[in-house]
């Protein structure tokens, strides 16, 4: 439920100019998510949402603004919460998550800027990581397993 709610929050702020937590709460209620202000505040912090200076609307923080150590900590938390299975296939790494959780974990992987990773593709419950080569794919698997502990 939390993963779907976080995904809905991300979708709302990417497509609507939401300037307050109350507006965001109303958008979520329209999508079937009833949340308290405290829960919404925690979700905003977890997603790293910021307010734009131009209009005061929430927006996702950019990848460049995420410090590496914070990004790796967030990735570790996301892995421990969402990762179900991880499997290397030549220079690719396939990750399985619960339904609706792949995009959140994929975002955490992207923000961590792992040097072995060329890119990621995330669906509903599957993430494909493209590594630079087969050796780097194995290094990614090792690193993700360590972070997931």
N, C-alpha and C. Protein backbone atom coordinates (compact mmCIF):
# COMPACT_ATOMS: atom_id res chain seq x y z
N UNK A 1 0.83 -1.19 0.00
CA UNK A 1 0.00 0.00 0.00
C UNK A 1 0.87 1.26 0.00
N UNK A 2 1.95 1.24 0.80
CA UNK A 2 2.82 2.41 0.87
C UNK A 2 3.46 2.68 -0.49
N UNK A 3 3.92 1.63 -1.16
CA UNK A 3 4.57 1.80 -2.46
C UNK A 3 3.61 2.42 -3.47
N UNK A 4 2.36 1.96 -3.46
CA UNK A 4 1.37 2.52 -4.38
C UNK A 4 1.08 3.98 -4.04
N UNK A 5 1.03 4.28 -2.74
CA UNK A 5 0.78 5.66 -2.32
C UNK A 5 1.93 6.58 -2.74
N UNK A 6 3.16 6.13 -2.53
CA UNK A 6 4.32 6.92 -2.94
C UNK A 6 4.33 7.13 -4.45
N UNK A 7 3.99 6.09 -5.18
CA UNK A 7 3.92 6.20 -6.63
C UNK A 7 2.84 7.21 -7.04
N UNK A 8 1.70 7.18 -6.35
CA UNK A 8 0.62 8.13 -6.65
C UNK A 8 1.04 9.56 -6.33
N UNK A 9 1.74 9.77 -5.23
CA UNK A 9 2.22 11.10 -4.88
C UNK A 9 3.16 11.61 -5.96
N UNK A 10 4.09 10.76 -6.37
CA UNK A 10 5.05 11.14 -7.40
C UNK A 10 4.31 11.52 -8.69
N UNK A 11 3.32 10.72 -9.06
CA UNK A 11 2.56 10.99 -10.27
C UNK A 11 1.81 12.32 -10.17
N UNK A 12 1.19 12.57 -9.03
CA UNK A 12 0.43 13.81 -8.84
C UNK A 12 1.34 15.03 -8.98
N UNK A 13 2.48 15.03 -8.29
CA UNK A 13 3.33 16.23 -8.33
C UNK A 13 4.00 16.42 -9.68
N UNK A 14 4.16 15.34 -10.44
CA UNK A 14 4.74 15.46 -11.77
C UNK A 14 3.74 16.02 -12.78
N UNK A 15 2.44 15.84 -12.51
CA UNK A 15 1.42 16.25 -13.48
C UNK A 15 0.52 17.40 -13.02
N UNK A 16 0.62 17.79 -11.77
CA UNK A 16 -0.22 18.87 -11.23
C UNK A 16 0.65 19.86 -10.46
N UNK A 17 0.25 21.12 -10.44
CA UNK A 17 0.94 22.13 -9.63
C UNK A 17 0.33 22.11 -8.24
N UNK A 18 0.89 21.30 -7.36
CA UNK A 18 0.39 21.14 -6.00
C UNK A 18 1.24 22.00 -5.07
N UNK A 19 0.59 22.96 -4.41
CA UNK A 19 1.33 23.93 -3.60
C UNK A 19 1.24 23.71 -2.09
N UNK A 20 0.40 22.77 -1.66
CA UNK A 20 0.27 22.54 -0.22
C UNK A 20 0.03 21.05 0.04
N UNK A 21 0.30 20.66 1.28
CA UNK A 21 0.03 19.27 1.66
C UNK A 21 -1.46 18.98 1.59
N UNK A 22 -2.28 19.96 1.91
CA UNK A 22 -3.73 19.76 1.85
C UNK A 22 -4.18 19.49 0.42
N UNK A 23 -3.65 20.23 -0.55
CA UNK A 23 -3.98 19.98 -1.96
C UNK A 23 -3.54 18.57 -2.35
N UNK A 24 -2.36 18.19 -1.93
CA UNK A 24 -1.84 16.86 -2.24
C UNK A 24 -2.71 15.79 -1.60
N UNK A 25 -3.12 16.02 -0.34
CA UNK A 25 -3.99 15.07 0.36
C UNK A 25 -5.30 14.88 -0.40
N UNK A 26 -5.86 15.98 -0.92
CA UNK A 26 -7.11 15.91 -1.68
C UNK A 26 -6.95 15.13 -2.98
N UNK A 27 -5.83 15.35 -3.67
CA UNK A 27 -5.54 14.60 -4.90
C UNK A 27 -5.43 13.10 -4.59
N UNK A 28 -4.77 12.78 -3.49
CA UNK A 28 -4.62 11.38 -3.10
C UNK A 28 -5.96 10.76 -2.73
N UNK A 29 -6.79 11.52 -2.00
CA UNK A 29 -8.12 11.03 -1.62
C UNK A 29 -8.94 10.71 -2.87
N UNK A 30 -8.82 11.54 -3.90
CA UNK A 30 -9.53 11.30 -5.15
C UNK A 30 -9.06 10.01 -5.82
N UNK A 31 -7.85 9.59 -5.51
CA UNK A 31 -7.29 8.34 -6.06
C UNK A 31 -7.49 7.16 -5.11
N UNK A 32 -8.18 7.40 -4.00
CA UNK A 32 -8.48 6.32 -3.07
C UNK A 32 -7.50 6.15 -1.92
N UNK A 33 -6.60 7.10 -1.73
CA UNK A 33 -5.63 7.04 -0.64
C UNK A 33 -6.01 8.06 0.43
N UNK A 34 -6.45 7.59 1.57
CA UNK A 34 -6.78 8.47 2.68
C UNK A 34 -5.57 8.48 3.62
N UNK A 35 -4.95 9.67 3.76
CA UNK A 35 -3.73 9.77 4.58
C UNK A 35 -3.84 10.94 5.55
N UNK A 36 -3.13 10.81 6.65
CA UNK A 36 -3.06 11.90 7.61
C UNK A 36 -1.97 12.88 7.17
N UNK A 37 -1.97 14.05 7.75
CA UNK A 37 -0.94 15.05 7.44
C UNK A 37 0.44 14.52 7.83
N UNK A 38 0.53 13.83 8.94
CA UNK A 38 1.82 13.30 9.41
C UNK A 38 2.38 12.28 8.42
N UNK A 39 1.53 11.38 7.94
CA UNK A 39 1.96 10.37 6.96
C UNK A 39 2.39 11.05 5.67
N UNK A 40 1.62 12.02 5.24
CA UNK A 40 1.94 12.75 4.01
C UNK A 40 3.27 13.49 4.14
N UNK A 41 3.51 14.08 5.28
CA UNK A 41 4.77 14.77 5.53
C UNK A 41 5.95 13.81 5.46
N UNK A 42 5.81 12.62 6.04
CA UNK A 42 6.87 11.61 5.97
C UNK A 42 7.09 11.15 4.53
N UNK A 43 6.00 10.96 3.79
CA UNK A 43 6.11 10.53 2.39
C UNK A 43 6.83 11.58 1.54
N UNK A 44 6.51 12.85 1.77
CA UNK A 44 7.15 13.94 1.03
C UNK A 44 8.65 13.93 1.31
N UNK A 45 9.01 13.72 2.56
CA UNK A 45 10.43 13.68 2.92
C UNK A 45 11.11 12.47 2.29
N UNK A 46 10.46 11.31 2.35
CA UNK A 46 11.04 10.09 1.78
C UNK A 46 11.25 10.21 0.28
N UNK A 47 10.31 10.85 -0.41
CA UNK A 47 10.43 11.03 -1.86
C UNK A 47 11.38 12.16 -2.22
N UNK A 48 11.79 12.96 -1.24
CA UNK A 48 12.71 14.05 -1.49
C UNK A 48 12.08 15.19 -2.28
N UNK A 49 10.78 15.42 -2.07
CA UNK A 49 10.11 16.48 -2.81
C UNK A 49 10.54 17.85 -2.29
N UNK A 50 10.67 18.78 -3.21
CA UNK A 50 11.04 20.15 -2.89
C UNK A 50 9.98 21.08 -3.46
N UNK A 51 9.96 22.30 -2.97
CA UNK A 51 9.04 23.31 -3.53
C UNK A 51 9.81 24.16 -4.53
N UNK A 52 9.20 24.35 -5.71
CA UNK A 52 9.80 25.22 -6.73
C UNK A 52 9.74 26.65 -6.26
N UNK A 53 10.79 27.40 -6.52
CA UNK A 53 10.78 28.80 -6.12
C UNK A 53 9.85 29.63 -6.99
N UNK A 54 9.65 29.23 -8.23
CA UNK A 54 8.82 30.01 -9.15
C UNK A 54 7.37 30.09 -8.72
N UNK A 55 6.77 28.94 -8.38
CA UNK A 55 5.33 28.94 -8.06
C UNK A 55 5.00 28.24 -6.74
N UNK A 56 5.99 27.72 -6.04
CA UNK A 56 5.75 27.08 -4.75
C UNK A 56 5.16 25.69 -4.84
N UNK A 57 5.13 25.11 -6.03
CA UNK A 57 4.58 23.76 -6.20
C UNK A 57 5.65 22.72 -5.88
N UNK A 58 5.19 21.55 -5.40
CA UNK A 58 6.12 20.46 -5.10
C UNK A 58 6.70 19.91 -6.39
N UNK A 59 7.95 19.47 -6.31
CA UNK A 59 8.60 18.82 -7.44
C UNK A 59 9.59 17.81 -6.89
N UNK A 60 9.88 16.77 -7.66
CA UNK A 60 10.93 15.83 -7.23
C UNK A 60 12.27 16.53 -7.24
N UNK A 61 13.13 16.19 -6.29
CA UNK A 61 14.47 16.76 -6.30
C UNK A 61 15.22 16.16 -7.47
N UNK A 62 16.15 16.90 -8.05
CA UNK A 62 16.89 16.39 -9.20
C UNK A 62 17.95 15.41 -8.74
N UNK A 63 18.40 14.59 -9.67
CA UNK A 63 19.43 13.60 -9.37
C UNK A 63 20.71 14.27 -8.90
N UNK A 64 21.05 15.41 -9.50
CA UNK A 64 22.28 16.10 -9.15
C UNK A 64 22.27 16.62 -7.72
N UNK A 65 21.10 16.86 -7.15
CA UNK A 65 21.02 17.43 -5.81
C UNK A 65 21.12 16.38 -4.71
N UNK A 66 21.13 15.10 -5.07
CA UNK A 66 21.16 14.04 -4.07
C UNK A 66 22.60 13.66 -3.76
N UNK A 67 23.09 13.92 -2.56
CA UNK A 67 24.46 13.53 -2.21
C UNK A 67 24.61 12.01 -2.30
N UNK A 68 25.78 11.56 -2.72
CA UNK A 68 26.03 10.14 -2.95
C UNK A 68 25.75 9.30 -1.70
N UNK A 69 26.22 9.72 -0.53
CA UNK A 69 26.02 8.92 0.68
C UNK A 69 24.53 8.80 1.03
N UNK A 70 23.78 9.89 0.85
CA UNK A 70 22.35 9.85 1.10
C UNK A 70 21.66 8.94 0.10
N UNK A 71 22.07 9.03 -1.17
CA UNK A 71 21.48 8.21 -2.22
C UNK A 71 21.71 6.73 -1.95
N UNK A 72 22.91 6.37 -1.51
CA UNK A 72 23.19 4.96 -1.21
C UNK A 72 22.40 4.48 0.01
N UNK A 73 22.23 5.34 1.00
CA UNK A 73 21.41 4.98 2.16
C UNK A 73 19.96 4.76 1.77
N UNK A 74 19.46 5.64 0.92
CA UNK A 74 18.09 5.51 0.42
C UNK A 74 17.95 4.24 -0.40
N UNK A 75 18.96 3.96 -1.24
CA UNK A 75 18.94 2.74 -2.05
C UNK A 75 18.91 1.50 -1.15
N UNK A 76 19.74 1.49 -0.11
CA UNK A 76 19.75 0.34 0.80
C UNK A 76 18.40 0.12 1.44
N UNK A 77 17.76 1.21 1.87
CA UNK A 77 16.43 1.11 2.48
C UNK A 77 15.41 0.59 1.48
N UNK A 78 15.46 1.13 0.25
CA UNK A 78 14.52 0.70 -0.79
C UNK A 78 14.73 -0.76 -1.14
N UNK A 79 15.99 -1.18 -1.23
CA UNK A 79 16.28 -2.59 -1.54
C UNK A 79 15.74 -3.51 -0.46
N UNK A 80 15.98 -3.16 0.81
CA UNK A 80 15.51 -4.02 1.89
C UNK A 80 13.99 -4.08 1.95
N UNK A 81 13.34 -3.02 1.49
CA UNK A 81 11.88 -2.97 1.55
C UNK A 81 11.21 -3.59 0.32
N UNK A 82 11.79 -3.39 -0.87
CA UNK A 82 11.09 -3.76 -2.11
C UNK A 82 11.68 -4.96 -2.86
N UNK A 83 12.97 -5.25 -2.71
CA UNK A 83 13.61 -6.30 -3.51
C UNK A 83 13.13 -7.69 -3.11
N UNK A 84 12.72 -8.46 -4.12
CA UNK A 84 12.29 -9.84 -3.92
C UNK A 84 13.36 -10.80 -4.44
N UNK A 85 13.92 -10.50 -5.62
CA UNK A 85 14.91 -11.38 -6.24
C UNK A 85 15.83 -10.56 -7.13
N UNK A 86 17.07 -11.03 -7.25
CA UNK A 86 18.04 -10.38 -8.12
C UNK A 86 18.80 -11.45 -8.88
N UNK A 87 18.96 -11.25 -10.20
CA UNK A 87 19.61 -12.27 -11.01
C UNK A 87 20.41 -11.62 -12.14
N UNK A 88 21.71 -11.93 -12.23
CA UNK A 88 22.51 -11.41 -13.34
C UNK A 88 22.31 -12.28 -14.59
N UNK A 89 22.28 -11.64 -15.75
CA UNK A 89 22.19 -12.34 -17.03
C UNK A 89 23.14 -11.62 -17.97
N UNK A 90 24.34 -12.15 -18.12
CA UNK A 90 25.41 -11.53 -18.89
C UNK A 90 25.65 -10.11 -18.38
N UNK A 91 25.46 -9.07 -19.20
CA UNK A 91 25.72 -7.71 -18.72
C UNK A 91 24.46 -7.05 -18.17
N UNK A 92 23.41 -7.83 -18.00
CA UNK A 92 22.15 -7.33 -17.47
C UNK A 92 21.93 -7.86 -16.06
N UNK A 93 21.15 -7.11 -15.29
CA UNK A 93 20.74 -7.56 -13.96
C UNK A 93 19.22 -7.37 -13.90
N UNK A 94 18.52 -8.45 -13.56
CA UNK A 94 17.06 -8.40 -13.45
C UNK A 94 16.68 -8.43 -11.98
N UNK A 95 15.92 -7.42 -11.57
CA UNK A 95 15.44 -7.35 -10.19
C UNK A 95 13.93 -7.52 -10.19
N UNK A 96 13.43 -8.28 -9.23
CA UNK A 96 11.98 -8.46 -9.05
C UNK A 96 11.58 -7.79 -7.76
N UNK A 97 10.41 -7.12 -7.81
CA UNK A 97 9.85 -6.45 -6.64
C UNK A 97 8.41 -6.88 -6.49
N UNK A 98 7.75 -6.36 -5.47
CA UNK A 98 6.32 -6.54 -5.34
C UNK A 98 5.62 -5.67 -6.39
N UNK A 99 4.35 -5.91 -6.58
CA UNK A 99 3.57 -5.14 -7.56
C UNK A 99 3.62 -3.65 -7.24
N UNK A 100 3.90 -2.83 -8.26
CA UNK A 100 3.91 -1.38 -8.11
C UNK A 100 5.14 -0.81 -7.44
N UNK A 101 6.16 -1.62 -7.18
CA UNK A 101 7.33 -1.13 -6.45
C UNK A 101 8.56 -0.92 -7.31
N UNK A 102 8.54 -1.40 -8.53
CA UNK A 102 9.75 -1.34 -9.37
C UNK A 102 10.18 0.08 -9.68
N UNK A 103 9.25 0.97 -9.96
CA UNK A 103 9.64 2.33 -10.32
C UNK A 103 10.28 3.06 -9.16
N UNK A 104 9.80 2.83 -7.94
CA UNK A 104 10.41 3.46 -6.77
C UNK A 104 11.83 2.97 -6.55
N UNK A 105 12.03 1.65 -6.68
CA UNK A 105 13.37 1.10 -6.51
C UNK A 105 14.26 1.53 -7.67
N UNK A 106 13.71 1.57 -8.87
CA UNK A 106 14.48 2.02 -10.03
C UNK A 106 14.98 3.45 -9.86
N UNK A 107 14.13 4.31 -9.32
CA UNK A 107 14.52 5.69 -9.06
C UNK A 107 15.66 5.76 -8.05
N UNK A 108 15.58 4.94 -7.01
CA UNK A 108 16.66 4.90 -6.00
C UNK A 108 17.97 4.42 -6.63
N UNK A 109 17.88 3.46 -7.53
CA UNK A 109 19.09 2.98 -8.23
C UNK A 109 19.66 4.09 -9.10
N UNK A 110 18.80 4.76 -9.86
CA UNK A 110 19.26 5.86 -10.72
C UNK A 110 19.92 6.96 -9.90
N UNK A 111 19.32 7.33 -8.79
CA UNK A 111 19.86 8.42 -7.97
C UNK A 111 21.18 8.05 -7.30
N UNK A 112 21.44 6.77 -7.13
CA UNK A 112 22.69 6.36 -6.49
C UNK A 112 23.89 6.47 -7.43
N UNK A 113 23.63 6.61 -8.71
CA UNK A 113 24.67 6.79 -9.72
C UNK A 113 25.82 5.80 -9.58
N UNK A 114 25.50 4.53 -9.54
CA UNK A 114 26.52 3.49 -9.45
C UNK A 114 27.36 3.52 -10.73
N UNK A 115 28.69 3.54 -10.61
CA UNK A 115 29.54 3.67 -11.80
C UNK A 115 29.45 2.49 -12.76
N UNK A 116 29.06 1.32 -12.26
CA UNK A 116 28.96 0.13 -13.11
C UNK A 116 27.70 0.12 -13.96
N UNK A 117 26.73 0.98 -13.63
CA UNK A 117 25.42 0.98 -14.28
C UNK A 117 25.36 1.98 -15.43
N UNK A 118 24.93 1.51 -16.60
CA UNK A 118 24.73 2.38 -17.75
C UNK A 118 23.33 2.98 -17.70
N UNK A 119 22.34 2.17 -17.31
CA UNK A 119 20.97 2.65 -17.22
C UNK A 119 20.03 1.61 -16.64
N UNK A 120 18.79 2.02 -16.41
CA UNK A 120 17.78 1.12 -15.86
C UNK A 120 16.46 1.31 -16.61
N UNK A 121 15.66 0.26 -16.60
CA UNK A 121 14.29 0.29 -17.10
C UNK A 121 13.43 -0.35 -16.02
N UNK A 122 12.34 0.32 -15.64
CA UNK A 122 11.48 -0.21 -14.58
C UNK A 122 10.06 -0.36 -15.09
N UNK A 123 9.48 -1.51 -14.82
CA UNK A 123 8.07 -1.74 -15.11
C UNK A 123 7.29 -1.70 -13.83
N UNK A 124 6.32 -2.59 -13.69
CA UNK A 124 5.49 -2.64 -12.49
C UNK A 124 6.19 -3.39 -11.36
N UNK A 125 6.74 -4.56 -11.69
CA UNK A 125 7.38 -5.38 -10.66
C UNK A 125 8.75 -5.92 -11.09
N UNK A 126 9.31 -5.35 -12.16
CA UNK A 126 10.60 -5.81 -12.69
C UNK A 126 11.45 -4.61 -13.08
N UNK A 127 12.74 -4.70 -12.75
CA UNK A 127 13.70 -3.68 -13.15
C UNK A 127 14.81 -4.36 -13.94
N UNK A 128 15.19 -3.75 -15.04
CA UNK A 128 16.32 -4.23 -15.83
C UNK A 128 17.44 -3.20 -15.67
N UNK A 129 18.57 -3.66 -15.15
CA UNK A 129 19.75 -2.81 -15.03
C UNK A 129 20.72 -3.22 -16.13
N UNK A 130 21.19 -2.25 -16.88
CA UNK A 130 22.17 -2.52 -17.92
C UNK A 130 23.53 -2.09 -17.37
N UNK A 131 24.41 -3.07 -17.23
CA UNK A 131 25.75 -2.80 -16.72
C UNK A 131 26.71 -2.65 -17.91
N UNK A 132 27.89 -2.14 -17.65
CA UNK A 132 28.87 -1.90 -18.71
C UNK A 132 29.35 -3.19 -19.35
N UNK A 133 29.43 -4.27 -18.58
CA UNK A 133 29.82 -5.58 -19.10
C UNK A 133 29.42 -6.62 -18.06
N UNK A 134 29.68 -7.89 -18.36
CA UNK A 134 29.26 -8.98 -17.46
C UNK A 134 29.94 -8.87 -16.10
N UNK A 135 31.22 -8.48 -16.07
CA UNK A 135 31.93 -8.34 -14.80
C UNK A 135 31.28 -7.25 -13.94
N UNK A 136 30.92 -6.13 -14.57
CA UNK A 136 30.25 -5.06 -13.83
C UNK A 136 28.86 -5.48 -13.37
N UNK A 137 28.19 -6.33 -14.13
CA UNK A 137 26.87 -6.82 -13.71
C UNK A 137 27.00 -7.61 -12.41
N UNK A 138 28.02 -8.44 -12.33
CA UNK A 138 28.25 -9.20 -11.09
C UNK A 138 28.60 -8.27 -9.93
N UNK A 139 29.35 -7.21 -10.22
CA UNK A 139 29.69 -6.23 -9.17
C UNK A 139 28.43 -5.51 -8.69
N UNK A 140 27.52 -5.21 -9.60
CA UNK A 140 26.25 -4.56 -9.23
C UNK A 140 25.44 -5.48 -8.34
N UNK A 141 25.36 -6.76 -8.71
CA UNK A 141 24.61 -7.72 -7.89
C UNK A 141 25.19 -7.78 -6.48
N UNK A 142 26.51 -7.87 -6.40
CA UNK A 142 27.18 -7.94 -5.09
C UNK A 142 26.87 -6.68 -4.26
N UNK A 143 27.01 -5.51 -4.90
CA UNK A 143 26.78 -4.25 -4.19
C UNK A 143 25.33 -4.12 -3.72
N UNK A 144 24.38 -4.48 -4.59
CA UNK A 144 22.97 -4.37 -4.22
C UNK A 144 22.62 -5.34 -3.09
N UNK A 145 23.17 -6.54 -3.12
CA UNK A 145 22.92 -7.50 -2.05
C UNK A 145 23.48 -7.00 -0.72
N UNK A 146 24.66 -6.37 -0.77
CA UNK A 146 25.25 -5.80 0.46
C UNK A 146 24.41 -4.67 1.00
N UNK A 147 23.93 -3.80 0.11
CA UNK A 147 23.11 -2.66 0.54
C UNK A 147 21.74 -3.11 1.08
N UNK A 148 21.25 -4.24 0.59
CA UNK A 148 19.93 -4.72 0.99
C UNK A 148 19.88 -5.26 2.41
N UNK A 149 21.03 -5.52 3.02
CA UNK A 149 21.07 -6.11 4.37
C UNK A 149 20.60 -5.18 5.41
